[in-house]
C-alpha cells in the first residue's frame, strides 16, 4: 500500500471511525475504508465520506493481497 499524507480533515475523520472500519487502500490521495457491510468508502480531502468509485473498487479488488 502506498503512503499518502492526509489532510487534517482526513486525519480527524479517520480518528472518528468506528473500530470495525478498516483502511484497505488508497485512491489517489484519499484513503479507502471498508465498512463492516463490505461497502468501500473514500475519505475526501475535506474529511467527508463518499462511496468509492467503481474503478477504485475494482483496482482495490485486483491489488488487495487479502481476501477480507
N, C-alpha and C. Protein backbone atom coordinates (compact mmCIF):
# COMPACT_ATOMS: atom_id res chain seq x y z
N UNK A 1 0.85 -1.17 0.00
CA UNK A 1 0.00 0.00 0.00
C UNK A 1 0.90 1.23 0.00
N UNK A 2 0.58 2.19 -0.82
CA UNK A 2 1.39 3.40 -0.89
C UNK A 2 1.14 4.29 0.32
N UNK A 3 2.09 5.15 0.61
CA UNK A 3 1.96 6.09 1.72
C UNK A 3 1.48 7.43 1.18
N UNK A 4 0.48 7.99 1.84
CA UNK A 4 -0.02 9.31 1.44
C UNK A 4 -0.07 10.21 2.66
N UNK A 5 0.07 11.50 2.43
CA UNK A 5 -0.05 12.46 3.51
C UNK A 5 -1.51 12.88 3.60
N UNK A 6 -2.09 12.71 4.77
CA UNK A 6 -3.50 13.04 4.97
C UNK A 6 -3.68 14.50 5.33
N UNK A 7 -4.81 15.05 4.91
CA UNK A 7 -5.16 16.40 5.34
C UNK A 7 -5.61 16.32 6.81
N UNK A 8 -5.68 17.45 7.47
CA UNK A 8 -6.15 17.48 8.86
C UNK A 8 -7.57 16.93 8.96
N UNK A 9 -8.39 17.25 7.97
CA UNK A 9 -9.77 16.78 7.97
C UNK A 9 -9.84 15.26 7.80
N UNK A 10 -8.99 14.71 6.93
CA UNK A 10 -8.96 13.27 6.74
C UNK A 10 -8.50 12.57 8.02
N UNK A 11 -7.48 13.11 8.65
CA UNK A 11 -6.98 12.54 9.90
C UNK A 11 -8.05 12.56 10.98
N UNK A 12 -8.77 13.67 11.07
CA UNK A 12 -9.83 13.78 12.07
C UNK A 12 -10.94 12.76 11.79
N UNK A 13 -11.31 12.60 10.52
CA UNK A 13 -12.35 11.63 10.16
C UNK A 13 -11.91 10.21 10.50
N UNK A 14 -10.65 9.88 10.19
CA UNK A 14 -10.17 8.53 10.49
C UNK A 14 -10.19 8.26 11.99
N UNK A 15 -9.88 9.27 12.79
CA UNK A 15 -9.90 9.10 14.24
C UNK A 15 -11.32 8.86 14.76
N UNK A 16 -12.33 9.35 14.04
CA UNK A 16 -13.73 9.21 14.44
C UNK A 16 -14.37 7.91 13.99
N UNK A 17 -13.73 7.20 13.06
CA UNK A 17 -14.33 5.99 12.51
C UNK A 17 -14.47 4.91 13.58
N UNK A 18 -15.53 4.13 13.52
CA UNK A 18 -15.68 3.00 14.45
C UNK A 18 -14.53 2.00 14.25
N UNK A 19 -14.26 1.22 15.27
CA UNK A 19 -13.15 0.26 15.21
C UNK A 19 -13.31 -0.79 14.13
N UNK A 20 -14.56 -1.08 13.74
CA UNK A 20 -14.76 -2.14 12.75
C UNK A 20 -14.66 -1.67 11.31
N UNK A 21 -14.30 -0.40 11.09
CA UNK A 21 -13.98 0.09 9.75
C UNK A 21 -12.49 -0.15 9.52
N UNK A 22 -12.13 -0.66 8.34
CA UNK A 22 -10.74 -0.98 8.04
C UNK A 22 -10.23 -0.16 6.86
N UNK A 23 -9.03 0.38 6.99
CA UNK A 23 -8.38 1.04 5.86
C UNK A 23 -7.88 -0.08 4.94
N UNK A 24 -8.31 -0.03 3.68
CA UNK A 24 -7.99 -1.12 2.76
C UNK A 24 -7.23 -0.67 1.52
N UNK A 25 -7.01 0.62 1.36
CA UNK A 25 -6.28 1.09 0.18
C UNK A 25 -6.28 2.59 0.08
N UNK A 26 -5.80 3.06 -1.07
CA UNK A 26 -5.71 4.49 -1.35
C UNK A 26 -6.16 4.71 -2.79
N UNK A 27 -6.96 5.74 -3.01
CA UNK A 27 -7.38 6.15 -4.35
C UNK A 27 -6.89 7.57 -4.55
N UNK A 28 -5.83 7.70 -5.32
CA UNK A 28 -5.13 8.97 -5.48
C UNK A 28 -4.65 9.42 -4.11
N UNK A 29 -5.14 10.48 -3.54
CA UNK A 29 -4.69 10.91 -2.21
C UNK A 29 -5.76 10.68 -1.15
N UNK A 30 -6.70 9.81 -1.44
CA UNK A 30 -7.80 9.56 -0.49
C UNK A 30 -7.77 8.12 0.02
N UNK A 31 -7.76 7.95 1.34
CA UNK A 31 -7.82 6.60 1.89
C UNK A 31 -9.16 5.94 1.58
N UNK A 32 -9.12 4.63 1.40
CA UNK A 32 -10.34 3.84 1.19
C UNK A 32 -10.56 3.01 2.44
N UNK A 33 -11.78 3.02 2.94
CA UNK A 33 -12.11 2.23 4.12
C UNK A 33 -13.27 1.30 3.79
N UNK A 34 -13.25 0.14 4.44
CA UNK A 34 -14.33 -0.84 4.24
C UNK A 34 -15.19 -0.87 5.49
N UNK A 35 -16.50 -0.66 5.28
CA UNK A 35 -17.46 -0.77 6.36
C UNK A 35 -17.67 -2.25 6.68
N UNK A 36 -18.21 -2.57 7.84
CA UNK A 36 -18.49 -3.97 8.17
C UNK A 36 -19.44 -4.63 7.16
N UNK A 37 -20.23 -3.84 6.47
CA UNK A 37 -21.15 -4.38 5.47
C UNK A 37 -20.45 -4.74 4.17
N UNK A 38 -19.18 -4.33 4.04
CA UNK A 38 -18.42 -4.60 2.82
C UNK A 38 -18.34 -3.40 1.89
N UNK A 39 -19.14 -2.37 2.13
CA UNK A 39 -19.11 -1.19 1.27
C UNK A 39 -17.77 -0.47 1.42
N UNK A 40 -17.21 -0.04 0.29
CA UNK A 40 -15.95 0.70 0.28
C UNK A 40 -16.26 2.20 0.21
N UNK A 41 -15.67 2.95 1.13
CA UNK A 41 -15.85 4.40 1.19
C UNK A 41 -14.52 5.09 0.99
N UNK A 42 -14.58 6.30 0.47
CA UNK A 42 -13.41 7.13 0.23
C UNK A 42 -13.47 8.31 1.19
N UNK A 43 -12.35 8.64 1.84
CA UNK A 43 -12.31 9.81 2.71
C UNK A 43 -11.73 10.96 1.90
N UNK A 44 -12.57 11.89 1.53
CA UNK A 44 -12.16 13.02 0.70
C UNK A 44 -11.22 13.95 1.47
N UNK A 45 -10.56 14.86 0.76
CA UNK A 45 -9.65 15.82 1.38
C UNK A 45 -10.32 16.63 2.48
N UNK A 46 -11.62 16.91 2.31
CA UNK A 46 -12.34 17.71 3.30
C UNK A 46 -12.88 16.86 4.46
N UNK A 47 -12.56 15.55 4.46
CA UNK A 47 -12.96 14.67 5.54
C UNK A 47 -14.30 13.97 5.34
N UNK A 48 -14.99 14.31 4.27
CA UNK A 48 -16.29 13.67 4.04
C UNK A 48 -16.11 12.25 3.50
N UNK A 49 -17.02 11.38 3.92
CA UNK A 49 -17.05 10.02 3.41
C UNK A 49 -17.95 9.96 2.20
N UNK A 50 -17.46 9.37 1.13
CA UNK A 50 -18.27 9.17 -0.07
C UNK A 50 -18.07 7.75 -0.56
N UNK A 51 -19.01 7.25 -1.29
CA UNK A 51 -18.87 5.91 -1.87
C UNK A 51 -17.69 5.93 -2.85
N UNK A 52 -16.88 4.90 -2.80
CA UNK A 52 -15.75 4.80 -3.73
C UNK A 52 -16.27 4.57 -5.14
N UNK A 53 -15.53 5.05 -6.10
CA UNK A 53 -15.93 4.84 -7.49
C UNK A 53 -15.81 3.36 -7.84
N UNK A 54 -16.50 2.96 -8.87
CA UNK A 54 -16.42 1.57 -9.33
C UNK A 54 -14.98 1.24 -9.72
N UNK A 55 -14.32 2.18 -10.39
CA UNK A 55 -12.93 1.95 -10.82
C UNK A 55 -12.01 1.73 -9.62
N UNK A 56 -12.16 2.55 -8.58
CA UNK A 56 -11.32 2.40 -7.39
C UNK A 56 -11.59 1.06 -6.70
N UNK A 57 -12.84 0.68 -6.63
CA UNK A 57 -13.21 -0.59 -6.03
C UNK A 57 -12.63 -1.76 -6.81
N UNK A 58 -12.66 -1.67 -8.13
CA UNK A 58 -12.08 -2.73 -8.97
C UNK A 58 -10.57 -2.80 -8.81
N UNK A 59 -9.91 -1.64 -8.79
CA UNK A 59 -8.45 -1.63 -8.60
C UNK A 59 -8.10 -2.27 -7.26
N UNK A 60 -8.87 -1.94 -6.25
CA UNK A 60 -8.64 -2.49 -4.92
C UNK A 60 -8.80 -4.01 -4.95
N UNK A 61 -9.81 -4.48 -5.63
CA UNK A 61 -10.07 -5.93 -5.70
C UNK A 61 -8.94 -6.67 -6.41
N UNK A 62 -8.32 -6.02 -7.40
CA UNK A 62 -7.25 -6.70 -8.14
C UNK A 62 -5.90 -6.58 -7.48
N UNK A 63 -5.73 -5.64 -6.55
CA UNK A 63 -4.43 -5.44 -5.92
C UNK A 63 -4.41 -5.86 -4.46
N UNK A 64 -5.54 -6.12 -3.87
CA UNK A 64 -5.60 -6.47 -2.45
C UNK A 64 -5.00 -7.84 -2.20
N UNK A 65 -3.97 -7.91 -1.32
CA UNK A 65 -3.37 -9.21 -1.03
C UNK A 65 -4.24 -10.06 -0.11
N UNK A 66 -5.17 -9.42 0.57
CA UNK A 66 -6.05 -10.12 1.49
C UNK A 66 -7.42 -10.28 0.89
N UNK A 67 -8.07 -11.34 1.19
CA UNK A 67 -9.40 -11.57 0.66
C UNK A 67 -10.48 -11.07 1.59
N UNK A 68 -10.14 -10.21 2.56
CA UNK A 68 -11.16 -9.78 3.51
C UNK A 68 -11.92 -8.66 3.00
